Amino acid sequence: MSIPELAPAIMAYLEAANSRDTSAVADCFADDANVFDEGQHQVGTVAIARWMEDTARRYQPRVEVLKVQHRTGKVLVSNVVSGNFPGSPLELRYTFRLNEQGKISRLDISL
């Protein structure tokens, strides 16, 4: 995956998610990061790794980046996500926020 306008932590997250490498996913996030997905809120790298593990096991998702937009303090990434879930494939938007160290501090996943 080669999307030059994505920060290294976001690229690493997408690559780890596609390879279902939960330890690498957790490394992309700040210790106090937040993830909002499917009405659930995960806080901290341990909870985020558990969420990713559960998501990978249940859905076997594969993310393909379609478009990237930079907004003040946010990176919006439009994706096609395919996997073992109703309605697959779906177009989802990932909204990332990064901290000063370049790690993901917040990820919102929405339709």
PDB file of N, CA and C in Angstrom:
ATOM      1  N   MET A   1       0.855  -1.167   0.000  1.00  0.00           N
ATOM      2  CA  MET A   1       0.000   0.000   0.000  1.00  0.00           C
ATOM      3  C   MET A   1       0.898   1.225   0.000  1.00  0.00           C
ATOM      4  N   SER A   2       0.722   2.108  -0.967  1.00  0.00           N
ATOM      5  CA  SER A   2       1.583   3.284  -1.065  1.00  0.00           C
ATOM      6  C   SER A   2       0.735   4.529  -1.218  1.00  0.00           C
ATOM      7  N   ILE A   3       0.406   5.149  -0.106  1.00  0.00           N
ATOM      8  CA  ILE A   3      -0.371   6.379  -0.095  1.00  0.00           C
ATOM      9  C   ILE A   3       0.537   7.443   0.526  1.00  0.00           C
ATOM     10  N   PRO A   4       1.212   8.250  -0.264  1.00  0.00           N
ATOM     11  CA  PRO A   4       2.231   9.147   0.282  1.00  0.00           C
ATOM     12  C   PRO A   4       1.715  10.209   1.231  1.00  0.00           C
ATOM     13  N   GLU A   5       0.449  10.599   1.123  1.00  0.00           N
ATOM     14  CA  GLU A   5      -0.036  11.674   1.978  1.00  0.00           C
ATOM     15  C   GLU A   5      -0.504  11.193   3.352  1.00  0.00           C
ATOM     16  N   LEU A   6      -0.264   9.938   3.673  1.00  0.00           N
ATOM     17  CA  LEU A   6      -0.635   9.415   4.985  1.00  0.00           C
ATOM     18  C   LEU A   6       0.574   9.404   5.914  1.00  0.00           C
ATOM     19  N   ALA A   7       0.338   9.793   7.154  1.00  0.00           N
ATOM     20  CA  ALA A   7       1.385   9.774   8.174  1.00  0.00           C
ATOM     21  C   ALA A   7       1.840   8.329   8.407  1.00  0.00           C
ATOM     22  N   PRO A   8       3.093   8.145   8.832  1.00  0.00           N
ATOM     23  CA  PRO A   8       3.604   6.791   9.066  1.00  0.00           C
ATOM     24  C   PRO A   8       2.738   5.953  10.013  1.00  0.00           C
ATOM     25  N   ALA A   9       2.199   6.534  11.076  1.00  0.00           N
ATOM     26  CA  ALA A   9       1.371   5.756  12.017  1.00  0.00           C
ATOM     27  C   ALA A   9       0.089   5.273  11.355  1.00  0.00           C
ATOM     28  N   ILE A  10      -0.502   6.095  10.491  1.00  0.00           N
ATOM     29  CA  ILE A  10      -1.734   5.688   9.795  1.00  0.00           C
ATOM     30  C   ILE A  10      -1.420   4.585   8.795  1.00  0.00           C
ATOM     31  N   MET A  11      -0.335   4.743   8.032  1.00  0.00           N
ATOM     32  CA  MET A  11       0.067   3.688   7.090  1.00  0.00           C
ATOM     33  C   MET A  11       0.331   2.386   7.833  1.00  0.00           C
ATOM     34  N   ALA A  12       1.058   2.479   8.941  1.00  0.00           N
ATOM     35  CA  ALA A  12       1.370   1.274   9.727  1.00  0.00           C
ATOM     36  C   ALA A  12       0.098   0.632  10.263  1.00  0.00           C
ATOM     37  N   TYR A  13      -0.867   1.446  10.705  1.00  0.00           N
ATOM     38  CA  TYR A  13      -2.142   0.914  11.197  1.00  0.00           C
ATOM     39  C   TYR A  13      -2.868   0.148  10.087  1.00  0.00           C
ATOM     40  N   LEU A  14      -2.987   0.750   8.912  1.00  0.00           N
ATOM     41  CA  LEU A  14      -3.700   0.099   7.815  1.00  0.00           C
ATOM     42  C   LEU A  14      -3.016  -1.203   7.402  1.00  0.00           C
ATOM     43  N   GLU A  15      -1.698  -1.189   7.332  1.00  0.00           N
ATOM     44  CA  GLU A  15      -0.959  -2.409   6.975  1.00  0.00           C
ATOM     45  C   GLU A  15      -1.119  -3.483   8.052  1.00  0.00           C
ATOM     46  N   ALA A  16      -1.045  -3.095   9.325  1.00  0.00           N
ATOM     47  CA  ALA A  16      -1.210  -4.063  10.420  1.00  0.00           C
ATOM     48  C   ALA A  16      -2.636  -4.603  10.459  1.00  0.00           C
ATOM     49  N   ALA A  17      -3.609  -3.734  10.211  1.00  0.00           N
ATOM     50  CA  ALA A  17      -5.004  -4.183  10.199  1.00  0.00           C
ATOM     51  C   ALA A  17      -5.230  -5.194   9.080  1.00  0.00           C
ATOM     52  N   ASN A  18      -4.694  -4.924   7.907  1.00  0.00           N
ATOM     53  CA  ASN A  18      -4.870  -5.849   6.784  1.00  0.00           C
ATOM     54  C   ASN A  18      -4.153  -7.167   6.996  1.00  0.00           C
ATOM     55  N   SER A  19      -3.060  -7.159   7.741  1.00  0.00           N
ATOM     56  CA  SER A  19      -2.349  -8.408   8.018  1.00  0.00           C
ATOM     57  C   SER A  19      -2.802  -9.036   9.337  1.00  0.00           C
ATOM     58  N   ARG A  20      -3.745  -8.358  10.009  1.00  0.00           N
ATOM     59  CA  ARG A  20      -4.313  -8.816  11.290  1.00  0.00           C
ATOM     60  C   ARG A  20      -3.242  -8.992  12.367  1.00  0.00           C
ATOM     61  N   ASP A  21      -2.291  -8.076  12.370  1.00  0.00           N
ATOM     62  CA  ASP A  21      -1.198  -8.086  13.339  1.00  0.00           C
ATOM     63  C   ASP A  21      -1.567  -7.166  14.494  1.00  0.00           C
ATOM     64  N   THR A  22      -2.221  -7.730  15.517  1.00  0.00           N
ATOM     65  CA  THR A  22      -2.760  -6.908  16.602  1.00  0.00           C
ATOM     66  C   THR A  22      -1.678  -6.224  17.426  1.00  0.00           C
ATOM     67  N   SER A  23      -0.520  -6.819  17.576  1.00  0.00           N
ATOM     68  CA  SER A  23       0.536  -6.147  18.338  1.00  0.00           C
ATOM     69  C   SER A  23       1.056  -4.934  17.568  1.00  0.00           C
ATOM     70  N   ALA A  24       1.166  -5.043  16.255  1.00  0.00           N
ATOM     71  CA  ALA A  24       1.596  -3.902  15.444  1.00  0.00           C
ATOM     72  C   ALA A  24       0.534  -2.811  15.437  1.00  0.00           C
ATOM     73  N   VAL A  25      -0.745  -3.193  15.462  1.00  0.00           N
ATOM     74  CA  VAL A  25      -1.828  -2.205  15.522  1.00  0.00           C
ATOM     75  C   VAL A  25      -1.691  -1.377  16.786  1.00  0.00           C
ATOM     76  N   ALA A  26      -1.508  -2.017  17.913  1.00  0.00           N
ATOM     77  CA  ALA A  26      -1.415  -1.305  19.190  1.00  0.00           C
ATOM     78  C   ALA A  26      -0.238  -0.340  19.185  1.00  0.00           C
ATOM     79  N   ASP A  27       0.862  -0.674  18.515  1.00  0.00           N
ATOM     80  CA  ASP A  27       2.038   0.194  18.461  1.00  0.00           C
ATOM     81  C   ASP A  27       1.784   1.499  17.713  1.00  0.00           C
ATOM     82  N   CYS A  28       0.737   1.558  16.894  1.00  0.00           N
ATOM     83  CA  CYS A  28       0.429   2.756  16.116  1.00  0.00           C
ATOM     84  C   CYS A  28      -0.286   3.814  16.949  1.00  0.00           C
ATOM     85  N   PHE A  29      -0.809   3.406  18.111  1.00  0.00           N
ATOM     86  CA  PHE A  29      -1.657   4.272  18.926  1.00  0.00           C
ATOM     87  C   PHE A  29      -0.921   4.809  20.146  1.00  0.00           C
ATOM     88  N   ALA A  30      -1.313   6.018  20.556  1.00  0.00           N
ATOM     89  CA  ALA A  30      -0.846   6.581  21.819  1.00  0.00           C
ATOM     90  C   ALA A  30      -1.423   5.747  22.961  1.00  0.00           C
ATOM     91  N   ASP A  31      -0.760   5.750  24.114  1.00  0.00           N
ATOM     92  CA  ASP A  31      -1.205   4.943  25.254  1.00  0.00           C
ATOM     93  C   ASP A  31      -2.642   5.226  25.662  1.00  0.00           C
ATOM     94  N   ASP A  32      -3.081   6.486  25.540  1.00  0.00           N
ATOM     95  CA  ASP A  32      -4.425   6.875  25.960  1.00  0.00           C
ATOM     96  C   ASP A  32      -5.376   7.091  24.778  1.00  0.00           C
ATOM     97  N   ALA A  33      -5.085   6.459  23.649  1.00  0.00           N
ATOM     98  CA  ALA A  33      -5.876   6.643  22.429  1.00  0.00           C
ATOM     99  C   ALA A  33      -7.305   6.143  22.594  1.00  0.00           C
ATOM    100  N   ASN A  34      -8.178   6.663  21.726  1.00  0.00           N
ATOM    101  CA  ASN A  34      -9.588   6.283  21.686  1.00  0.00           C
ATOM    102  C   ASN A  34      -9.933   5.779  20.292  1.00  0.00           C
ATOM    103  N   VAL A  35     -10.744   4.710  20.233  1.00  0.00           N
ATOM    104  CA  VAL A  35     -11.297   4.221  18.976  1.00  0.00           C
ATOM    105  C   VAL A  35     -12.807   4.119  19.150  1.00  0.00           C
ATOM    106  N   PHE A  36     -13.538   4.661  18.165  1.00  0.00           N
ATOM    107  CA  PHE A  36     -14.991   4.585  18.137  1.00  0.00           C
ATOM    108  C   PHE A  36     -15.381   3.808  16.887  1.00  0.00           C
ATOM    109  N   ASP A  37     -16.059   2.652  17.081  1.00  0.00           N
ATOM    110  CA  ASP A  37     -16.453   1.792  15.961  1.00  0.00           C
ATOM    111  C   ASP A  37     -17.681   0.996  16.367  1.00  0.00           C
ATOM    112  N   GLU A  38     -18.660   0.914  15.477  1.00  0.00           N
ATOM    113  CA  GLU A  38     -19.877   0.130  15.699  1.00  0.00           C
ATOM    114  C   GLU A  38     -20.542   0.438  17.042  1.00  0.00           C
ATOM    115  N   GLY A  39     -20.566   1.712  17.404  1.00  0.00           N
ATOM    116  CA  GLY A  39     -21.203   2.114  18.653  1.00  0.00           C
ATOM    117  C   GLY A  39     -20.415   1.771  19.901  1.00  0.00           C
ATOM    118  N   GLN A  40     -19.209   1.284  19.739  1.00  0.00           N
ATOM    119  CA  GLN A  40     -18.361   0.915  20.869  1.00  0.00           C
ATOM    120  C   GLN A  40     -17.207   1.903  20.988  1.00  0.00           C
ATOM    121  N   HIS A  41     -16.737   2.093  22.217  1.00  0.00           N
ATOM    122  CA  HIS A  41     -15.641   3.024  22.502  1.00  0.00           C
ATOM    123  C   HIS A  41     -14.531   2.234  23.192  1.00  0.00           C
ATOM    124  N   GLN A  42     -13.350   2.235  22.598  1.00  0.00           N
ATOM    125  CA  GLN A  42     -12.183   1.559  23.170  1.00  0.00           C
ATOM    126  C   GLN A  42     -11.191   2.628  23.621  1.00  0.00           C
ATOM    127  N   VAL A  43     -10.626   2.466  24.799  1.00  0.00           N
ATOM    128  CA  VAL A  43      -9.657   3.428  25.328  1.00  0.00           C
ATOM    129  C   VAL A  43      -8.385   2.684  25.724  1.00  0.00           C
ATOM    130  N   GLY A  44      -7.247   3.148  25.206  1.00  0.00           N
ATOM    131  CA  GLY A  44      -5.960   2.567  25.555  1.00  0.00           C
ATOM    132  C   GLY A  44      -5.554   1.443  24.617  1.00  0.00           C
ATOM    133  N   THR A  45      -4.254   1.196  24.554  1.00  0.00           N
ATOM    134  CA  THR A  45      -3.732   0.232  23.590  1.00  0.00           C
ATOM    135  C   THR A  45      -4.155  -1.206  23.874  1.00  0.00           C
ATOM    136  N   VAL A  46      -4.353  -1.567  25.135  1.00  0.00           N
ATOM    137  CA  VAL A  46      -4.786  -2.938  25.452  1.00  0.00           C
ATOM    138  C   VAL A  46      -6.198  -3.167  24.916  1.00  0.00           C
ATOM    139  N   ALA A  47      -7.105  -2.227  25.178  1.00  0.00           N
ATOM    140  CA  ALA A  47      -8.484  -2.355  24.688  1.00  0.00           C
ATOM    141  C   ALA A  47      -8.531  -2.294  23.167  1.00  0.00           C
ATOM    142  N   ILE A  48      -7.698  -1.451  22.563  1.00  0.00           N
ATOM    143  CA  ILE A  48      -7.670  -1.339  21.103  1.00  0.00           C
ATOM    144  C   ILE A  48      -7.159  -2.629  20.479  1.00  0.00           C
ATOM    145  N   ALA A  49      -6.131  -3.239  21.053  1.00  0.00           N
ATOM    146  CA  ALA A  49      -5.628  -4.522  20.541  1.00  0.00           C
ATOM    147  C   ALA A  49      -6.699  -5.609  20.651  1.00  0.00           C
ATOM    148  N   ARG A  50      -7.438  -5.635  21.773  1.00  0.00           N
ATOM    149  CA  ARG A  50      -8.540  -6.605  21.939  1.00  0.00           C
ATOM    150  C   ARG A  50      -9.623  -6.385  20.892  1.00  0.00           C
ATOM    151  N   TRP A  51      -9.969  -5.112  20.661  1.00  0.00           N
ATOM    152  CA  TRP A  51     -10.976  -4.768  19.654  1.00  0.00           C
ATOM    153  C   TRP A  51     -10.529  -5.245  18.277  1.00  0.00           C
ATOM    154  N   MET A  52      -9.266  -4.993  17.933  1.00  0.00           N
ATOM    155  CA  MET A  52      -8.755  -5.405  16.632  1.00  0.00           C
ATOM    156  C   MET A  52      -8.733  -6.923  16.501  1.00  0.00           C
ATOM    157  N   GLU A  53      -8.337  -7.598  17.565  1.00  0.00           N
ATOM    158  CA  GLU A  53      -8.320  -9.065  17.561  1.00  0.00           C
ATOM    159  C   GLU A  53      -9.723  -9.623  17.319  1.00  0.00           C
ATOM    160  N   ASP A  54     -10.703  -9.074  18.032  1.00  0.00           N
ATOM    161  CA  ASP A  54     -12.095  -9.518  17.893  1.00  0.00           C
ATOM    162  C   ASP A  54     -12.618  -9.212  16.489  1.00  0.00           C
ATOM    163  N   THR A  55     -12.346  -8.015  15.994  1.00  0.00           N
ATOM    164  CA  THR A  55     -12.790  -7.623  14.657  1.00  0.00           C
ATOM    165  C   THR A  55     -12.168  -8.528  13.592  1.00  0.00           C
ATOM    166  N   ALA A  56     -10.876  -8.799  13.714  1.00  0.00           N
ATOM    167  CA  ALA A  56     -10.185  -9.648  12.744  1.00  0.00           C
ATOM    168  C   ALA A  56     -10.749 -11.064  12.754  1.00  0.00           C
ATOM    169  N   ARG A  57     -11.011 -11.586  13.952  1.00  0.00           N
ATOM    170  CA  ARG A  57     -11.542 -12.947  14.077  1.00  0.00           C
ATOM    171  C   ARG A  57     -12.953 -13.051  13.488  1.00  0.00           C
ATOM    172  N   ARG A  58     -13.798 -12.086  13.800  1.00  0.00           N
ATOM    173  CA  ARG A  58     -15.199 -12.146  13.365  1.00  0.00           C
ATOM    174  C   ARG A  58     -15.403 -11.809  11.899  1.00  0.00           C
ATOM    175  N   TYR A  59     -14.661 -10.812  11.390  1.00  0.00           N
ATOM    176  CA  TYR A  59     -14.979 -10.270  10.060  1.00  0.00           C
ATOM    177  C   TYR A  59     -13.906 -10.469   9.000  1.00  0.00           C
ATOM    178  N   GLN A  60     -12.671 -10.791   9.372  1.00  0.00           N
ATOM    179  CA  GLN A  60     -11.562 -10.882   8.424  1.00  0.00           C
ATOM    180  C   GLN A  60     -11.562  -9.690   7.458  1.00  0.00           C
ATOM    181  N   PRO A  61     -11.549  -8.468   7.997  1.00  0.00           N
ATOM    182  CA  PRO A  61     -11.651  -7.288   7.124  1.00  0.00           C
ATOM    183  C   PRO A  61     -10.389  -7.026   6.317  1.00  0.00           C
ATOM    184  N   ARG A  62     -10.601  -6.442   5.173  1.00  0.00           N
ATOM    185  CA  ARG A  62      -9.508  -5.996   4.293  1.00  0.00           C
ATOM    186  C   ARG A  62      -9.844  -4.567   3.881  1.00  0.00           C
ATOM    187  N   VAL A  63      -8.915  -3.649   4.113  1.00  0.00           N
ATOM    188  CA  VAL A  63      -9.136  -2.225   3.861  1.00  0.00           C
ATOM    189  C   VAL A  63      -8.379  -1.792   2.614  1.00  0.00           C
ATOM    190  N   GLU A  64      -9.090  -1.095   1.723  1.00  0.00           N
ATOM    191  CA  GLU A  64      -8.466  -0.520   0.534  1.00  0.00           C
ATOM    192  C   GLU A  64      -8.746   0.980   0.544  1.00  0.00           C
ATOM    193  N   VAL A  65      -7.707   1.781   0.586  1.00  0.00           N
ATOM    194  CA  VAL A  65      -7.848   3.239   0.639  1.00  0.00           C
ATOM    195  C   VAL A  65      -8.301   3.766  -0.719  1.00  0.00           C
ATOM    196  N   LEU A  66      -9.344   4.604  -0.680  1.00  0.00           N
ATOM    197  CA  LEU A  66      -9.848   5.241  -1.894  1.00  0.00           C
ATOM    198  C   LEU A  66      -9.401   6.692  -2.016  1.00  0.00           C
ATOM    199  N   LYS A  67      -9.465   7.412  -0.883  1.00  0.00           N
ATOM    200  CA  LYS A  67      -9.241   8.858  -0.936  1.00  0.00           C
ATOM    201  C   LYS A  67      -8.762   9.341   0.429  1.00  0.00           C
ATOM    202  N   VAL A  68      -7.897  10.336   0.420  1.00  0.00           N
ATOM    203  CA  VAL A  68      -7.375  10.916   1.654  1.00  0.00           C
ATOM    204  C   VAL A  68      -7.611  12.423   1.613  1.00  0.00           C
ATOM    205  N   GLN A  69      -8.137  12.961   2.716  1.00  0.00           N
ATOM    206  CA  GLN A  69      -8.327  14.401   2.857  1.00  0.00           C
ATOM    207  C   GLN A  69      -7.698  14.845   4.171  1.00  0.00           C
ATOM    208  N   HIS A  70      -7.005  15.965   4.111  1.00  0.00           N
ATOM    209  CA  HIS A  70      -6.413  16.528   5.325  1.00  0.00           C
ATOM    210  C   HIS A  70      -7.247  17.730   5.742  1.00  0.00           C
ATOM    211  N   ARG A  71      -7.679  17.717   6.982  1.00  0.00           N
ATOM    212  CA  ARG A  71      -8.396  18.840   7.576  1.00  0.00           C
ATOM    213  C   ARG A  71      -7.619  19.271   8.799  1.00  0.00           C
ATOM    214  N   THR A  72      -7.898  20.425   9.308  1.00  0.00           N
ATOM    215  CA  THR A  72      -7.186  20.913  10.487  1.00  0.00           C
ATOM    216  C   THR A  72      -7.305  19.902  11.617  1.00  0.00           C
ATOM    217  N   GLY A  73      -6.182  19.314  11.986  1.00  0.00           N
ATOM    218  CA  GLY A  73      -6.148  18.371  13.098  1.00  0.00           C
ATOM    219  C   GLY A  73      -6.671  16.983  12.799  1.00  0.00           C
ATOM    220  N   LYS A  74      -7.105  16.705  11.560  1.00  0.00           N
ATOM    221  CA  LYS A  74      -7.686  15.401  11.220  1.00  0.00           C
ATOM    222  C   LYS A  74      -7.186  14.928   9.863  1.00  0.00           C
ATOM    223  N   VAL A  75      -7.207  13.613   9.705  1.00  0.00           N
ATOM    224  CA  VAL A  75      -6.966  13.001   8.400  1.00  0.00           C
ATOM    225  C   VAL A  75      -8.175  12.102   8.132  1.00  0.00           C
ATOM    226  N   LEU A  76      -8.909  12.401   7.052  1.00  0.00           N
ATOM    227  CA  LEU A  76     -10.085  11.617   6.671  1.00  0.00           C
ATOM    228  C   LEU A  76      -9.674  10.649   5.571  1.00  0.00           C
ATOM    229  N   VAL A  77      -9.921   9.370   5.807  1.00  0.00           N
ATOM    230  CA  VAL A  77      -9.538   8.335   4.851  1.00  0.00           C
ATOM    231  C   VAL A  77     -10.792   7.565   4.465  1.00  0.00           C
ATOM    232  N   SER A  78     -11.167   7.662   3.180  1.00  0.00           N
ATOM    233  CA  SER A  78     -12.294   6.891   2.659  1.00  0.00           C
ATOM    234  C   SER A  78     -11.759   5.551   2.187  1.00  0.00           C
ATOM    235  N   ASN A  79     -12.441   4.484   2.594  1.00  0.00           N
ATOM    236  CA  ASN A  79     -11.970   3.125   2.320  1.00  0.00           C
ATOM    237  C   ASN A  79     -13.105   2.254   1.808  1.00  0.00           C
ATOM    238  N   VAL A  80     -12.741   1.215   1.087  1.00  0.00           N
ATOM    239  CA  VAL A  80     -13.649   0.095   0.842  1.00  0.00           C
ATOM    240  C   VAL A  80     -13.167  -1.011   1.761  1.00  0.00           C
ATOM    241  N   VAL A  81     -14.055  -1.476   2.620  1.00  0.00           N
ATOM    242  CA  VAL A  81     -13.720  -2.541   3.558  1.00  0.00           C
ATOM    243  C   VAL A  81     -14.530  -3.767   3.162  1.00  0.00           C
ATOM    244  N   SER A  82     -13.826  -4.853   2.907  1.00  0.00           N
ATOM    245  CA  SER A  82     -14.490  -6.108   2.563  1.00  0.00           C
ATOM    246  C   SER A  82     -14.145  -7.134   3.627  1.00  0.00           C
ATOM    247  N   GLY A  83     -14.988  -8.134   3.740  1.00  0.00           N
ATOM    248  CA  GLY A  83     -14.751  -9.178   4.725  1.00  0.00           C
ATOM    249  C   GLY A  83     -15.976 -10.031   4.914  1.00  0.00           C
ATOM    250  N   ASN A  84     -15.998 -10.728   6.031  1.00  0.00           N
ATOM    251  CA  ASN A  84     -17.062 -11.663   6.361  1.00  0.00           C
ATOM    252  C   ASN A  84     -18.101 -10.964   7.237  1.00  0.00           C
ATOM    253  N   PHE A  85     -18.824 -10.010   6.659  1.00  0.00           N
ATOM    254  CA  PHE A  85     -19.856  -9.296   7.404  1.00  0.00           C
ATOM    255  C   PHE A  85     -20.971  -8.911   6.443  1.00  0.00           C
ATOM    256  N   PRO A  86     -22.192  -8.738   6.955  1.00  0.00           N
ATOM    257  CA  PRO A  86     -23.320  -8.367   6.096  1.00  0.00           C
ATOM    258  C   PRO A  86     -23.058  -7.054   5.362  1.00  0.00           C
ATOM    259  N   GLY A  87     -23.374  -7.020   4.077  1.00  0.00           N
ATOM    260  CA  GLY A  87     -23.215  -5.820   3.285  1.00  0.00           C
ATOM    261  C   GLY A  87     -21.831  -5.637   2.692  1.00  0.00           C
ATOM    262  N   SER A  88     -20.938  -6.588   2.925  1.00  0.00           N
ATOM    263  CA  SER A  88     -19.573  -6.477   2.397  1.00  0.00           C
ATOM    264  C   SER A  88     -19.606  -6.498   0.880  1.00  0.00           C
ATOM    265  N   PRO A  89     -18.824  -5.654   0.253  1.00  0.00           N
ATOM    266  CA  PRO A  89     -17.949  -4.617   0.805  1.00  0.00           C
ATOM    267  C   PRO A  89     -18.737  -3.344   1.129  1.00  0.00           C
ATOM    268  N   LEU A  90     -18.196  -2.579   2.084  1.00  0.00           N
ATOM    269  CA  LEU A  90     -18.789  -1.307   2.491  1.00  0.00           C
ATOM    270  C   LEU A  90     -17.772  -0.193   2.321  1.00  0.00           C
ATOM    271  N   GLU A  91     -18.269   0.997   2.007  1.00  0.00           N
ATOM    272  CA  GLU A  91     -17.392   2.153   2.014  1.00  0.00           C
ATOM    273  C   GLU A  91     -17.486   2.789   3.398  1.00  0.00           C
ATOM    274  N   LEU A  92     -16.360   2.865   4.072  1.00  0.00           N
ATOM    275  CA  LEU A  92     -16.297   3.431   5.419  1.00  0.00           C
ATOM    276  C   LEU A  92     -15.310   4.587   5.442  1.00  0.00           C
ATOM    277  N   ARG A  93     -15.574   5.524   6.348  1.00  0.00           N
ATOM    278  CA  ARG A  93     -14.639   6.639   6.540  1.00  0.00           C
ATOM    279  C   ARG A  93     -13.943   6.476   7.879  1.00  0.00           C
ATOM    280  N   TYR A  94     -12.637   6.556   7.840  1.00  0.00           N
ATOM    281  CA  TYR A  94     -11.814   6.548   9.051  1.00  0.00           C
ATOM    282  C   TYR A  94     -11.337   7.980   9.270  1.00  0.00           C
ATOM    283  N   THR A  95     -11.618   8.514  10.435  1.00  0.00           N
ATOM    284  CA  THR A  95     -11.149   9.847  10.796  1.00  0.00           C
ATOM    285  C   THR A  95     -10.072   9.680  11.863  1.00  0.00           C
ATOM    286  N   PHE A  96      -8.862  10.053  11.511  1.00  0.00           N
ATOM    287  CA  PHE A  96      -7.711   9.915  12.406  1.00  0.00           C
ATOM    288  C   PHE A  96      -7.327  11.270  12.981  1.00  0.00           C
ATOM    289  N   ARG A  97      -6.892  11.239  14.236  1.00  0.00           N
ATOM    290  CA  ARG A  97      -6.215  12.383  14.855  1.00  0.00           C
ATOM    291  C   ARG A  97      -4.897  11.856  15.404  1.00  0.00           C
ATOM    292  N   LEU A  98      -3.833  12.637  15.215  1.00  0.00           N
ATOM    293  CA  LEU A  98      -2.503  12.241  15.671  1.00  0.00           C
ATOM    294  C   LEU A  98      -2.063  13.141  16.816  1.00  0.00           C
ATOM    295  N   ASN A  99      -1.242  12.592  17.706  1.00  0.00           N
ATOM    296  CA  ASN A  99      -0.671  13.418  18.778  1.00  0.00           C
ATOM    297  C   ASN A  99       0.645  14.034  18.301  1.00  0.00           C
ATOM    298  N   GLU A 100       1.306  14.783  19.174  1.00  0.00           N
ATOM    299  CA  GLU A 100       2.548  15.466  18.807  1.00  0.00           C
ATOM    300  C   GLU A 100       3.668  14.490  18.444  1.00  0.00           C
ATOM    301  N   GLN A 101       3.614  13.274  18.970  1.00  0.00           N
ATOM    302  CA  GLN A 101       4.634  12.265  18.670  1.00  0.00           C
ATOM    303  C   GLN A 101       4.341  11.507  17.369  1.00  0.00           C
ATOM    304  N   GLY A 102       3.225  11.839  16.706  1.00  0.00           N
ATOM    305  CA  GLY A 102       2.883  11.189  15.450  1.00  0.00           C
ATOM    306  C   GLY A 102       2.115   9.892  15.606  1.00  0.00           C
ATOM    307  N   LYS A 103       1.698   9.562  16.833  1.00  0.00           N
ATOM    308  CA  LYS A 103       0.902   8.347  17.051  1.00  0.00           C
ATOM    309  C   LYS A 103      -0.582   8.700  16.933  1.00  0.00           C
ATOM    310  N   ILE A 104      -1.391   7.706  16.653  1.00  0.00           N
ATOM    311  CA  ILE A 104      -2.835   7.916  16.539  1.00  0.00           C
ATOM    312  C   ILE A 104      -3.399   8.140  17.945  1.00  0.00           C
ATOM    313  N   SER A 105      -4.085   9.263  18.117  1.00  0.00           N
ATOM    314  CA  SER A 105      -4.706   9.547  19.424  1.00  0.00           C
ATOM    315  C   SER A 105      -6.196   9.256  19.395  1.00  0.00           C
ATOM    316  N   ARG A 106      -6.774   9.258  18.182  1.00  0.00           N
ATOM    317  CA  ARG A 106      -8.203   8.964  18.069  1.00  0.00           C
ATOM    318  C   ARG A 106      -8.489   8.445  16.665  1.00  0.00           C
ATOM    319  N   LEU A 107      -9.375   7.444  16.600  1.00  0.00           N
ATOM    320  CA  LEU A 107      -9.855   6.904  15.331  1.00  0.00           C
ATOM    321  C   LEU A 107     -11.352   6.734  15.434  1.00  0.00           C
ATOM    322  N   ASP A 108     -12.082   7.374  14.523  1.00  0.00           N
ATOM    323  CA  ASP A 108     -13.528   7.205  14.404  1.00  0.00           C
ATOM    324  C   ASP A 108     -13.809   6.503  13.086  1.00  0.00           C
ATOM    325  N   ILE A 109     -14.559   5.408  13.148  1.00  0.00           N
ATOM    326  CA  ILE A 109     -14.924   4.659  11.943  1.00  0.00           C
ATOM    327  C   ILE A 109     -16.424   4.825  11.739  1.00  0.00           C
ATOM    328  N   SER A 110     -16.807   5.311  10.543  1.00  0.00           N
ATOM    329  CA  SER A 110     -18.224   5.575  10.287  1.00  0.00           C
ATOM    330  C   SER A 110     -18.574   5.273   8.830  1.00  0.00           C
ATOM    331  N   LEU A 111     -19.877   5.179   8.590  1.00  0.00           N
ATOM    332  CA  LEU A 111     -20.369   4.979   7.211  1.00  0.00           C
ATOM    333  C   LEU A 111     -20.236   6.249   6.411  1.00  0.00           C
TER     334      LEU A 111
END
